[in-house]
């Protein structure tokens, strides 16, 4: 079962993204860099490794959200010093988020 942590500071959010990239997590997709507001108003990433998936969303109002297994969230929380709480999210509770974003997402094979 996946859990969601919310309200993650922007600098911590991007540190997590960088950490995943540097530690052989595969980037499955991201909010397309061609979008004028990438990293300004909104951002989105999905990483996978050994059958595990981490989905990350960020916006300039609610900051970062991370959806992953409880164990993975606990590890990330300890490594990056953020609290595990879910006070509702702007994005990651949406079960059809990826489908609705359509062409705004760049997929990698």
N, C-alpha and C. Protein backbone atom coordinates (compact mmCIF):
# COMPACT_ATOMS: atom_id res chain seq x y z
N UNK A 1 0.84 -1.18 0.00
CA UNK A 1 0.00 0.00 0.00
C UNK A 1 0.89 1.25 0.00
N UNK A 2 0.53 2.21 -0.81
CA UNK A 2 1.28 3.45 -0.88
C UNK A 2 0.71 4.49 0.08
N UNK A 3 1.60 5.33 0.56
CA UNK A 3 1.25 6.42 1.45
C UNK A 3 1.74 7.71 0.82
N UNK A 4 1.20 8.83 1.29
CA UNK A 4 1.57 10.12 0.73
C UNK A 4 2.03 11.04 1.86
N UNK A 5 3.19 11.64 1.68
CA UNK A 5 3.67 12.69 2.58
C UNK A 5 3.51 14.01 1.84
N UNK A 6 3.08 15.03 2.54
CA UNK A 6 2.80 16.33 1.91
C UNK A 6 3.53 17.45 2.63
N UNK A 7 3.49 18.62 2.03
CA UNK A 7 4.06 19.81 2.66
C UNK A 7 5.58 19.75 2.76
N UNK A 8 6.21 19.06 1.83
CA UNK A 8 7.67 18.92 1.86
C UNK A 8 8.30 20.17 1.24
N UNK A 9 9.20 20.78 1.98
CA UNK A 9 9.88 21.99 1.54
C UNK A 9 10.47 21.80 0.14
N UNK A 10 10.42 22.84 -0.66
CA UNK A 10 10.89 22.79 -2.05
C UNK A 10 12.33 22.30 -2.16
N UNK A 11 13.22 22.82 -1.34
CA UNK A 11 14.63 22.41 -1.43
C UNK A 11 14.80 20.93 -1.08
N UNK A 12 14.04 20.44 -0.12
CA UNK A 12 14.09 19.01 0.22
C UNK A 12 13.51 18.19 -0.92
N UNK A 13 12.41 18.64 -1.49
CA UNK A 13 11.78 17.93 -2.61
C UNK A 13 12.79 17.71 -3.74
N UNK A 14 13.47 18.77 -4.14
CA UNK A 14 14.42 18.63 -5.25
C UNK A 14 15.69 17.87 -4.84
N UNK A 15 16.02 17.88 -3.56
CA UNK A 15 17.12 17.03 -3.09
C UNK A 15 16.76 15.56 -3.21
N UNK A 16 15.51 15.23 -2.95
CA UNK A 16 15.04 13.85 -3.10
C UNK A 16 15.11 13.43 -4.57
N UNK A 17 14.66 14.29 -5.46
CA UNK A 17 14.72 14.01 -6.90
C UNK A 17 16.17 13.75 -7.32
N UNK A 18 17.07 14.60 -6.90
CA UNK A 18 18.49 14.45 -7.24
C UNK A 18 19.05 13.15 -6.66
N UNK A 19 18.70 12.84 -5.43
CA UNK A 19 19.15 11.61 -4.78
C UNK A 19 18.70 10.38 -5.57
N UNK A 20 17.44 10.36 -5.97
CA UNK A 20 16.92 9.22 -6.74
C UNK A 20 17.67 9.08 -8.06
N UNK A 21 17.91 10.19 -8.73
CA UNK A 21 18.64 10.16 -10.00
C UNK A 21 20.05 9.61 -9.81
N UNK A 22 20.69 9.97 -8.73
CA UNK A 22 22.08 9.57 -8.48
C UNK A 22 22.20 8.15 -7.93
N UNK A 23 21.08 7.55 -7.52
CA UNK A 23 21.13 6.23 -6.89
C UNK A 23 20.39 5.18 -7.70
N UNK A 24 20.51 5.32 -9.01
CA UNK A 24 20.06 4.31 -9.96
C UNK A 24 18.56 4.03 -9.94
N UNK A 25 17.77 5.01 -9.53
CA UNK A 25 16.34 4.93 -9.71
C UNK A 25 16.06 5.35 -11.15
N UNK A 26 15.23 4.62 -11.82
CA UNK A 26 14.90 4.91 -13.22
C UNK A 26 13.80 5.97 -13.29
N UNK A 27 14.05 7.02 -14.06
CA UNK A 27 13.03 8.03 -14.28
C UNK A 27 12.06 7.51 -15.32
N UNK A 28 10.82 7.25 -14.92
CA UNK A 28 9.80 6.73 -15.82
C UNK A 28 9.15 7.85 -16.63
N UNK A 29 8.86 8.94 -15.95
CA UNK A 29 8.29 10.11 -16.62
C UNK A 29 8.46 11.33 -15.75
N UNK A 30 8.29 12.48 -16.39
CA UNK A 30 8.33 13.76 -15.68
C UNK A 30 7.44 14.76 -16.42
N UNK A 31 7.09 15.80 -15.70
CA UNK A 31 6.40 16.92 -16.32
C UNK A 31 7.34 17.46 -17.38
N UNK A 32 6.87 17.57 -18.59
CA UNK A 32 7.71 17.89 -19.74
C UNK A 32 8.44 19.21 -19.55
N UNK A 33 9.75 19.18 -19.78
CA UNK A 33 10.56 20.39 -19.64
C UNK A 33 10.19 21.47 -20.67
N UNK A 34 9.42 21.11 -21.68
CA UNK A 34 8.96 22.10 -22.66
C UNK A 34 7.83 22.98 -22.10
N UNK A 35 7.25 22.56 -20.99
CA UNK A 35 6.18 23.34 -20.39
C UNK A 35 6.78 24.57 -19.72
N UNK A 36 6.22 25.73 -20.00
CA UNK A 36 6.77 26.99 -19.52
C UNK A 36 6.83 27.09 -18.00
N UNK A 37 5.98 26.34 -17.30
CA UNK A 37 5.91 26.48 -15.84
C UNK A 37 6.60 25.36 -15.08
N UNK A 38 7.35 24.49 -15.79
CA UNK A 38 8.04 23.39 -15.11
C UNK A 38 9.00 23.95 -14.07
N UNK A 39 8.84 23.53 -12.84
CA UNK A 39 9.70 23.97 -11.75
C UNK A 39 9.41 25.38 -11.26
N UNK A 40 8.47 26.04 -11.89
CA UNK A 40 8.07 27.38 -11.47
C UNK A 40 6.73 27.31 -10.74
N UNK A 41 5.74 26.72 -11.42
CA UNK A 41 4.41 26.54 -10.83
C UNK A 41 4.13 25.08 -10.48
N UNK A 42 4.72 24.15 -11.23
CA UNK A 42 4.38 22.74 -11.07
C UNK A 42 5.54 21.86 -11.53
N UNK A 43 5.62 20.66 -10.95
CA UNK A 43 6.58 19.65 -11.38
C UNK A 43 6.07 18.28 -10.97
N UNK A 44 6.50 17.26 -11.70
CA UNK A 44 6.02 15.90 -11.46
C UNK A 44 7.08 14.91 -11.94
N UNK A 45 7.31 13.86 -11.15
CA UNK A 45 8.28 12.82 -11.51
C UNK A 45 7.75 11.47 -11.04
N UNK A 46 8.12 10.44 -11.78
CA UNK A 46 7.93 9.07 -11.29
C UNK A 46 9.23 8.31 -11.51
N UNK A 47 9.71 7.69 -10.44
CA UNK A 47 10.91 6.87 -10.47
C UNK A 47 10.53 5.44 -10.11
N UNK A 48 11.30 4.48 -10.61
CA UNK A 48 11.08 3.08 -10.23
C UNK A 48 12.42 2.37 -10.09
N UNK A 49 12.39 1.32 -9.26
CA UNK A 49 13.58 0.50 -9.03
C UNK A 49 13.13 -0.78 -8.36
N UNK A 50 13.53 -1.91 -8.94
CA UNK A 50 13.22 -3.22 -8.37
C UNK A 50 11.73 -3.39 -8.05
N UNK A 51 10.88 -2.92 -8.95
CA UNK A 51 9.43 -3.08 -8.79
C UNK A 51 8.78 -2.05 -7.87
N UNK A 52 9.55 -1.17 -7.30
CA UNK A 52 9.03 -0.14 -6.40
C UNK A 52 8.87 1.16 -7.18
N UNK A 53 7.83 1.91 -6.87
CA UNK A 53 7.55 3.18 -7.55
C UNK A 53 7.47 4.30 -6.54
N UNK A 54 8.09 5.44 -6.90
CA UNK A 54 7.99 6.66 -6.12
C UNK A 54 7.45 7.75 -7.05
N UNK A 55 6.35 8.35 -6.66
CA UNK A 55 5.72 9.43 -7.43
C UNK A 55 5.87 10.72 -6.64
N UNK A 56 6.33 11.76 -7.30
CA UNK A 56 6.57 13.04 -6.64
C UNK A 56 5.89 14.16 -7.41
N UNK A 57 5.21 15.02 -6.70
CA UNK A 57 4.59 16.20 -7.32
C UNK A 57 4.95 17.42 -6.49
N UNK A 58 5.05 18.55 -7.16
CA UNK A 58 5.37 19.81 -6.48
C UNK A 58 4.61 20.94 -7.14
N UNK A 59 4.16 21.88 -6.34
CA UNK A 59 3.67 23.14 -6.89
C UNK A 59 4.05 24.26 -5.95
N UNK A 60 3.96 25.48 -6.44
CA UNK A 60 4.46 26.61 -5.67
C UNK A 60 3.57 27.01 -4.50
N UNK A 61 2.39 26.45 -4.39
CA UNK A 61 1.52 26.75 -3.26
C UNK A 61 1.62 25.71 -2.15
N UNK A 62 1.58 24.44 -2.52
CA UNK A 62 1.54 23.35 -1.53
C UNK A 62 2.89 22.68 -1.32
N UNK A 63 3.87 23.04 -2.13
CA UNK A 63 5.22 22.46 -2.12
C UNK A 63 5.16 20.98 -2.47
N UNK A 64 6.04 20.17 -1.89
CA UNK A 64 6.21 18.80 -2.37
C UNK A 64 5.29 17.76 -1.76
N UNK A 65 5.01 16.75 -2.58
CA UNK A 65 4.25 15.57 -2.17
C UNK A 65 5.03 14.36 -2.66
N UNK A 66 5.10 13.32 -1.85
CA UNK A 66 5.77 12.09 -2.25
C UNK A 66 4.85 10.92 -1.92
N UNK A 67 4.64 10.07 -2.92
CA UNK A 67 3.81 8.88 -2.76
C UNK A 67 4.71 7.67 -2.94
N UNK A 68 4.76 6.81 -1.92
CA UNK A 68 5.62 5.63 -1.95
C UNK A 68 5.16 4.66 -0.86
N UNK A 69 5.87 3.56 -0.74
CA UNK A 69 5.57 2.62 0.34
C UNK A 69 5.88 3.30 1.67
N UNK A 70 5.25 2.83 2.71
CA UNK A 70 5.48 3.40 4.04
C UNK A 70 6.97 3.30 4.41
N UNK A 71 7.56 2.15 4.14
CA UNK A 71 8.98 1.95 4.47
C UNK A 71 9.84 2.96 3.73
N UNK A 72 9.60 3.16 2.45
CA UNK A 72 10.40 4.11 1.66
C UNK A 72 10.21 5.52 2.17
N UNK A 73 8.97 5.91 2.49
CA UNK A 73 8.73 7.25 3.02
C UNK A 73 9.45 7.46 4.34
N UNK A 74 9.45 6.44 5.20
CA UNK A 74 10.16 6.55 6.48
C UNK A 74 11.66 6.74 6.25
N UNK A 75 12.22 6.01 5.27
CA UNK A 75 13.64 6.15 4.96
C UNK A 75 13.95 7.55 4.42
N UNK A 76 13.13 8.02 3.49
CA UNK A 76 13.34 9.36 2.93
C UNK A 76 13.18 10.43 4.00
N UNK A 77 12.20 10.26 4.87
CA UNK A 77 11.98 11.21 5.95
C UNK A 77 13.19 11.30 6.87
N UNK A 78 13.76 10.16 7.19
CA UNK A 78 14.95 10.15 8.06
C UNK A 78 16.15 10.76 7.34
N UNK A 79 16.33 10.43 6.07
CA UNK A 79 17.48 10.93 5.31
C UNK A 79 17.41 12.43 5.01
N UNK A 80 16.19 12.92 4.79
CA UNK A 80 16.04 14.31 4.35
C UNK A 80 15.36 15.21 5.39
N UNK A 81 15.10 14.64 6.56
CA UNK A 81 14.58 15.41 7.68
C UNK A 81 13.28 16.17 7.36
N UNK A 82 12.26 15.42 6.96
CA UNK A 82 10.93 16.01 6.82
C UNK A 82 9.93 15.14 7.58
N UNK A 83 8.85 15.76 7.98
CA UNK A 83 7.84 15.05 8.76
C UNK A 83 6.91 14.28 7.83
N UNK A 84 6.49 13.12 8.33
CA UNK A 84 5.55 12.30 7.57
C UNK A 84 4.13 12.68 8.00
N UNK A 85 3.51 13.50 7.22
CA UNK A 85 2.11 13.80 7.46
C UNK A 85 1.42 14.00 6.13
N UNK A 86 0.15 13.74 6.15
CA UNK A 86 -0.67 13.88 4.96
C UNK A 86 -1.85 14.75 5.33
N UNK A 87 -1.76 16.02 4.98
CA UNK A 87 -2.86 16.92 5.27
C UNK A 87 -3.69 17.17 4.02
N UNK A 88 -3.75 16.15 3.19
CA UNK A 88 -4.44 16.28 1.92
C UNK A 88 -3.47 16.80 0.88
N UNK A 89 -3.69 16.44 -0.34
CA UNK A 89 -2.77 16.84 -1.39
C UNK A 89 -3.51 17.51 -2.52
N UNK A 90 -2.77 18.23 -3.27
CA UNK A 90 -3.34 18.87 -4.45
C UNK A 90 -3.37 17.89 -5.62
N UNK A 91 -2.48 16.90 -5.61
CA UNK A 91 -2.30 16.08 -6.80
C UNK A 91 -2.30 14.57 -6.57
N UNK A 92 -1.51 14.07 -5.66
CA UNK A 92 -1.23 12.64 -5.61
C UNK A 92 -2.38 11.77 -5.11
N UNK A 93 -3.43 12.36 -4.57
CA UNK A 93 -4.61 11.56 -4.24
C UNK A 93 -5.47 11.29 -5.47
N UNK A 94 -5.22 11.99 -6.55
CA UNK A 94 -6.00 11.82 -7.78
C UNK A 94 -5.59 10.51 -8.47
N UNK A 95 -6.49 9.57 -8.55
CA UNK A 95 -6.16 8.28 -9.14
C UNK A 95 -5.94 8.37 -10.65
N UNK A 96 -6.47 9.39 -11.29
CA UNK A 96 -6.34 9.55 -12.73
C UNK A 96 -5.42 10.72 -13.12
N UNK A 97 -4.55 11.09 -12.22
CA UNK A 97 -3.67 12.24 -12.46
C UNK A 97 -2.85 12.08 -13.73
N UNK A 98 -2.20 10.94 -13.90
CA UNK A 98 -1.32 10.73 -15.06
C UNK A 98 -2.13 10.76 -16.36
N UNK A 99 -3.27 10.10 -16.36
CA UNK A 99 -4.13 10.11 -17.56
C UNK A 99 -4.59 11.52 -17.89
N UNK A 100 -4.96 12.28 -16.89
CA UNK A 100 -5.45 13.64 -17.12
C UNK A 100 -4.37 14.59 -17.61
N UNK A 101 -3.13 14.32 -17.26
CA UNK A 101 -2.04 15.21 -17.66
C UNK A 101 -1.65 14.97 -19.12
N UNK A 102 -1.91 13.77 -19.63
CA UNK A 102 -1.71 13.47 -21.05
C UNK A 102 -0.40 13.94 -21.63
N UNK A 103 -0.47 14.84 -22.60
CA UNK A 103 0.70 15.28 -23.34
C UNK A 103 1.60 16.23 -22.55
N UNK A 104 1.24 16.55 -21.34
CA UNK A 104 2.08 17.41 -20.51
C UNK A 104 3.21 16.62 -19.85
N UNK A 105 3.17 15.30 -20.01
CA UNK A 105 4.15 14.41 -19.40
C UNK A 105 5.07 13.84 -20.47
N UNK A 106 6.36 13.81 -20.15
CA UNK A 106 7.34 13.20 -21.02
C UNK A 106 7.70 11.82 -20.44
N UNK A 107 7.42 10.77 -21.23
CA UNK A 107 7.67 9.39 -20.80
C UNK A 107 9.01 8.93 -21.34
N UNK A 108 9.69 8.12 -20.54
CA UNK A 108 10.97 7.52 -20.94
C UNK A 108 10.78 6.01 -21.04
N UNK A 109 11.48 5.39 -21.95
CA UNK A 109 11.33 3.93 -22.10
C UNK A 109 12.44 3.19 -21.38
